[in-house]
């Protein structure tokens, strides 16, 4: 889109004299720009002389630039390619900056939430008199396991008593 814009034409004219080249007497009268031509006339000619196509099957952009000489055509082509690369680099840089800004904000937010959560855990530990939740949980699980073992032993003893017809 940028290569077909007026902005690209104006830059190409400023850097490489596109309008001057097509105002030259060397250009046939059909493609020649008159001395009193407007920027709109120059843009119409630019669109005829610079054709951009996209092949979606291959994902390739094709550009054809017509000029009075092959050297001038190559000069215009190379300049337009450089402009397009600058545009892509600029857009990519902005995208990276936006992504980095978003990631930095998310990281700062997560860090703030983590500190708040740690503070809350510390407050709860102090309120409940729990110093280490892992060791507290481990101690409770040990007690539960001991009770389950005792329960199993008592059930076994009861079953033995029930099996005896005359206790």
Protein backbone atom coordinates (compact mmCIF):
# COMPACT_ATOMS: atom_id res chain seq x y z
CA UNK A 1 0.00 0.00 0.00
CA UNK A 2 2.78 2.41 0.86
CA UNK A 3 4.54 1.94 -2.50
CA UNK A 4 1.37 3.01 -4.31
CA UNK A 5 0.85 6.08 -2.13
CA UNK A 6 1.34 9.75 -2.88
CA UNK A 7 3.81 9.84 -0.02
CA UNK A 8 6.07 7.34 -1.84
CA UNK A 9 5.82 9.42 -5.04
CA UNK A 10 6.74 12.63 -3.22
CA UNK A 11 9.71 10.98 -1.54
CA UNK A 12 10.88 9.37 -4.78
CA UNK A 13 10.60 12.74 -6.51
CA UNK A 14 12.48 14.50 -3.72
CA UNK A 15 15.27 11.91 -3.56
CA UNK A 16 15.57 10.86 -7.22
CA UNK A 17 13.73 13.45 -9.35
CA UNK A 18 10.83 11.32 -10.60
CA UNK A 19 8.80 14.30 -11.91
CA UNK A 20 11.85 15.90 -13.48
CA UNK A 21 12.72 12.63 -15.21
CA UNK A 22 9.23 12.31 -16.69
CA UNK A 23 9.17 16.01 -17.66
CA UNK A 24 12.25 15.52 -19.82
CA UNK A 25 12.12 15.81 -23.61
CA UNK A 26 13.49 12.25 -23.81
CA UNK A 27 10.09 10.93 -22.68
CA UNK A 28 7.46 10.30 -25.36
CA UNK A 29 4.61 12.81 -25.32
CA UNK A 30 2.10 10.23 -24.02
CA UNK A 31 4.04 9.64 -20.80
CA UNK A 32 5.60 13.10 -20.51
CA UNK A 33 4.50 15.45 -17.77
CA UNK A 34 3.84 19.00 -18.87
CA UNK A 35 5.67 21.84 -17.19
CA UNK A 36 2.43 22.99 -15.56
CA UNK A 37 1.46 19.51 -14.33
CA UNK A 38 -0.02 19.16 -10.88
CA UNK A 39 0.93 16.64 -8.25
CA UNK A 40 -2.27 14.79 -9.16
CA UNK A 41 -1.09 14.47 -12.77
CA UNK A 42 2.27 13.20 -11.52
CA UNK A 43 0.52 10.69 -9.26
CA UNK A 44 -1.58 9.35 -12.17
CA UNK A 45 1.59 8.87 -14.21
CA UNK A 46 3.35 7.31 -11.21
CA UNK A 47 0.55 4.73 -10.88
CA UNK A 48 0.96 3.86 -14.59
CA UNK A 49 4.76 3.61 -14.41
CA UNK A 50 5.02 1.81 -11.05
CA UNK A 51 2.88 -1.31 -10.81
CA UNK A 52 2.74 -3.38 -7.67
CA UNK A 53 1.19 -6.83 -7.56
CA UNK A 54 0.82 -9.48 -4.88
CA UNK A 55 0.69 -13.20 -5.60
CA UNK A 56 -1.13 -14.82 -2.66
CA UNK A 57 -0.22 -18.32 -3.88
CA UNK A 58 3.51 -17.66 -3.49
CA UNK A 59 3.29 -14.78 -1.02
CA UNK A 60 5.47 -12.66 -3.31
CA UNK A 61 5.15 -8.95 -4.04
CA UNK A 62 5.99 -8.06 -7.63
CA UNK A 63 6.99 -4.54 -8.67
CA UNK A 64 7.56 -3.18 -12.16
CA UNK A 65 8.97 0.29 -12.72
CA UNK A 66 9.09 1.82 -16.19
CA UNK A 67 11.40 4.75 -16.99
CA UNK A 68 13.27 6.22 -19.96
CA UNK A 69 16.36 4.13 -19.28
CA UNK A 70 17.03 0.81 -17.55
CA UNK A 71 19.42 2.57 -15.16
CA UNK A 72 16.78 5.07 -14.09
CA UNK A 73 14.21 2.29 -13.74
CA UNK A 74 16.61 0.36 -11.53
CA UNK A 75 17.36 3.50 -9.49
CA UNK A 76 13.65 4.13 -8.90
CA UNK A 77 13.05 0.45 -8.10
CA UNK A 78 15.87 0.28 -5.57
CA UNK A 79 14.71 3.49 -3.92
CA UNK A 80 11.14 2.18 -3.63
CA UNK A 81 12.36 -1.12 -2.17
CA UNK A 82 14.40 0.80 0.40
CA UNK A 83 11.38 2.93 1.29
CA UNK A 84 9.23 -0.17 1.73
CA UNK A 85 11.86 -1.79 3.95
CA UNK A 86 11.99 1.34 6.10
CA UNK A 87 8.22 1.29 6.46
CA UNK A 88 8.22 -2.40 7.47
CA UNK A 89 11.08 -1.82 9.92
CA UNK A 90 9.24 1.15 11.42
CA UNK A 91 5.99 -0.81 11.82
CA UNK A 92 7.84 -3.79 13.29
CA UNK A 93 9.71 -1.55 15.72
CA UNK A 94 6.46 0.03 16.89
CA UNK A 95 4.89 -3.40 17.32
CA UNK A 96 7.88 -4.60 19.36
CA UNK A 97 7.76 -1.49 21.52
CA UNK A 98 4.02 -1.96 22.13
CA UNK A 99 4.52 -5.63 23.01
CA UNK A 100 7.44 -4.81 25.28
CA UNK A 101 5.47 -2.06 26.99
CA UNK A 102 2.56 -4.47 27.55
CA UNK A 103 4.87 -7.19 28.86
CA UNK A 104 6.60 -4.76 31.21
CA UNK A 105 3.26 -3.53 32.56
CA UNK A 106 2.02 -7.11 33.03
CA UNK A 107 5.24 -8.05 34.80
CA UNK A 108 5.04 -5.03 37.13
CA UNK A 109 1.37 -5.82 37.87
CA UNK A 110 2.15 -9.49 38.59
CA UNK A 111 5.06 -8.51 40.80
CA UNK A 112 2.86 -6.12 42.78
CA UNK A 113 0.19 -8.81 43.21
CA UNK A 114 2.83 -11.36 44.31
CA UNK A 115 4.18 -8.99 46.99
CA UNK A 116 0.62 -8.32 48.21
CA UNK A 117 -0.10 -12.07 48.37
CA UNK A 118 3.12 -12.75 50.27
CA UNK A 119 2.25 -9.98 52.72
CA UNK A 120 -1.22 -11.48 53.23
CA UNK A 121 0.24 -14.97 53.80
CA UNK A 122 2.67 -13.55 56.35
CA UNK A 123 -0.18 -11.76 58.16
CA UNK A 124 -2.27 -14.97 58.27
CA UNK A 125 0.69 -16.97 59.58
CA UNK A 126 1.23 -14.45 62.33
CA UNK A 127 -2.49 -14.40 63.24
CA UNK A 128 -2.75 -18.19 63.39
CA UNK A 129 0.64 -18.73 64.96
CA UNK A 130 1.74 -20.85 62.04
CA UNK A 131 5.37 -20.38 61.17
CA UNK A 132 5.69 -22.74 58.26
CA UNK A 133 2.59 -23.96 56.42
CA UNK A 134 4.47 -26.85 54.82
CA UNK A 135 5.63 -28.28 58.16
CA UNK A 136 2.18 -27.66 59.70
CA UNK A 137 0.51 -29.56 56.89
CA UNK A 138 3.08 -32.30 57.11
CA UNK A 139 2.48 -32.66 60.85
CA UNK A 140 -1.29 -32.86 60.35
CA UNK A 141 -0.91 -35.49 57.65
CA UNK A 142 1.33 -37.57 59.95
CA UNK A 143 -1.33 -37.47 62.68
CA UNK A 144 -4.07 -38.43 60.23
CA UNK A 145 -1.98 -41.36 59.01
CA UNK A 146 -1.42 -42.56 62.60
CA UNK A 147 -5.14 -42.37 63.33
CA UNK A 148 -5.93 -44.33 60.17
CA UNK A 149 -3.43 -47.04 61.21
CA UNK A 150 -5.00 -47.24 64.68
CA UNK A 151 -8.48 -47.40 63.13
CA UNK A 152 -7.43 -50.26 60.87
CA UNK A 153 -5.96 -52.15 63.89
CA UNK A 154 -9.16 -51.66 65.89
CA UNK A 155 -11.28 -52.91 62.99
CA UNK A 156 -9.07 -55.95 62.68
CA UNK A 157 -9.42 -56.66 66.42
CA UNK A 158 -13.19 -56.26 66.19
CA UNK A 159 -13.36 -58.64 63.22
CA UNK A 160 -11.35 -61.22 65.21
CA UNK A 161 -13.74 -60.89 68.12
CA UNK A 162 -16.76 -61.26 65.90
CA UNK A 163 -15.27 -64.40 64.32
CA UNK A 164 -15.04 -66.04 67.77
CA UNK A 165 -18.48 -67.60 68.57
CA UNK A 166 -17.96 -67.64 72.30
CA UNK A 167 -15.73 -64.81 73.32
